[in-house]
Amino acid sequence: MPVDIAELESTIRSAFSVTHLEIEDQSSGCGENYLVLIVSEDFKGKTTLARHRLVNEALKIHIAEMHAFSQKSYTPEQYDALCAKST
């Protein structure tokens, strides 16, 4: 069963204080392979593994319906630094 981007966005925004969010359906629109980039203050002081566990827990119902799921999770400061590097 395909996962809807709007459902993913709603779940993420209700679970975290999101300052930036990108959701990409990498399955050509069939809703079975997603990449999410989440920027949130909630990730401060947490390791990458801890952040991924938080996101996986929040999205576990949706992830169970996907073929593949990948994520990038940053604090606002990390994301700003990443953006500054790429310009």
Protein backbone atom coordinates (compact mmCIF):
# COMPACT_ATOMS: atom_id res chain seq x y z
CA MET A 1 0.00 0.00 0.00
CA PRO A 2 1.54 3.34 -1.02
CA VAL A 3 2.37 5.92 1.61
CA ASP A 4 1.08 9.44 1.01
CA ILE A 5 3.52 12.37 1.29
CA ALA A 6 0.89 14.45 3.10
CA GLU A 7 0.52 11.74 5.76
CA LEU A 8 4.29 11.57 6.22
CA GLU A 9 4.53 15.34 6.52
CA SER A 10 1.69 15.52 9.02
CA THR A 11 3.18 12.78 11.19
CA ILE A 12 6.65 14.35 11.15
CA ARG A 13 5.34 17.84 11.94
CA SER A 14 3.24 16.55 14.83
CA ALA A 15 6.19 14.60 16.29
CA PHE A 16 8.94 17.23 15.97
CA SER A 17 9.42 21.01 16.02
CA VAL A 18 10.38 21.17 12.37
CA THR A 19 12.20 24.21 11.01
CA HIS A 20 12.81 22.66 7.57
CA LEU A 21 11.41 19.52 5.96
CA GLU A 22 11.96 17.87 2.59
CA ILE A 23 10.23 14.67 1.57
CA GLU A 24 11.20 13.01 -1.69
CA ASP A 25 9.37 10.08 -3.21
CA GLN A 26 12.22 8.19 -4.86
CA SER A 27 9.94 5.52 -6.30
CA SER A 28 8.64 7.51 -9.28
CA GLY A 29 5.38 8.30 -7.54
CA CYS A 30 4.36 4.87 -6.29
CA GLY A 31 4.94 5.84 -2.63
CA GLU A 32 7.16 2.96 -1.59
CA ASN A 33 10.59 4.59 -1.32
CA TYR A 34 11.12 7.86 0.53
CA LEU A 35 13.98 10.11 1.53
CA VAL A 36 13.25 12.66 4.25
CA LEU A 37 15.40 15.52 5.44
CA ILE A 38 14.31 16.89 8.81
CA VAL A 39 15.74 19.92 10.57
CA SER A 40 14.62 20.29 14.17
CA GLU A 41 15.70 21.72 17.51
CA ASP A 42 14.59 18.38 18.95
CA PHE A 43 17.79 16.80 17.61
CA LYS A 44 20.14 18.98 19.66
CA GLY A 45 22.47 16.95 21.85
CA LYS A 46 21.47 13.65 20.22
CA THR A 47 23.69 11.37 18.18
CA THR A 48 22.79 10.51 14.61
CA LEU A 49 21.68 7.07 15.76
CA ALA A 50 19.42 8.54 18.45
CA ARG A 51 17.87 10.94 15.92
CA HIS A 52 17.22 8.13 13.47
CA ARG A 53 15.61 6.05 16.19
CA LEU A 54 13.32 8.95 17.12
CA VAL A 55 12.25 9.43 13.50
CA ASN A 56 11.83 5.70 12.91
CA GLU A 57 9.66 5.41 16.02
CA ALA A 58 7.48 8.35 14.97
CA LEU A 59 7.06 6.92 11.46
CA LYS A 60 6.98 3.20 12.26
CA ILE A 61 3.47 2.63 10.90
CA HIS A 62 4.36 4.33 7.62
CA ILE A 63 7.81 2.73 7.34
CA ALA A 64 6.23 -0.72 7.68
CA GLU A 65 4.32 -0.01 4.45
CA MET A 66 7.40 1.12 2.49
CA HIS A 67 9.94 -0.80 0.49
CA ALA A 68 12.75 1.62 1.43
CA PHE A 69 13.17 4.62 3.74
CA SER A 70 16.17 6.84 4.32
CA GLN A 71 16.56 9.94 6.39
CA LYS A 72 18.84 12.83 7.16
CA SER A 73 18.27 14.63 10.44
CA TYR A 74 20.00 17.85 11.43
CA THR A 75 19.84 20.55 14.05
CA PRO A 76 19.21 24.03 12.60
CA GLU A 77 22.86 24.94 13.18
CA GLN A 78 24.10 21.84 11.37
CA TYR A 79 21.76 22.47 8.46
CA ASP A 80 22.82 26.13 8.20
CA ALA A 81 26.48 25.06 8.14
CA LEU A 82 25.71 22.43 5.49
CA CYS A 83 23.94 24.99 3.33
CA ALA A 84 26.75 27.50 3.75
CA LYS A 85 29.26 24.86 2.61
CA SER A 86 27.36 24.12 -0.57
CA THR A 87 27.21 27.76 -1.70
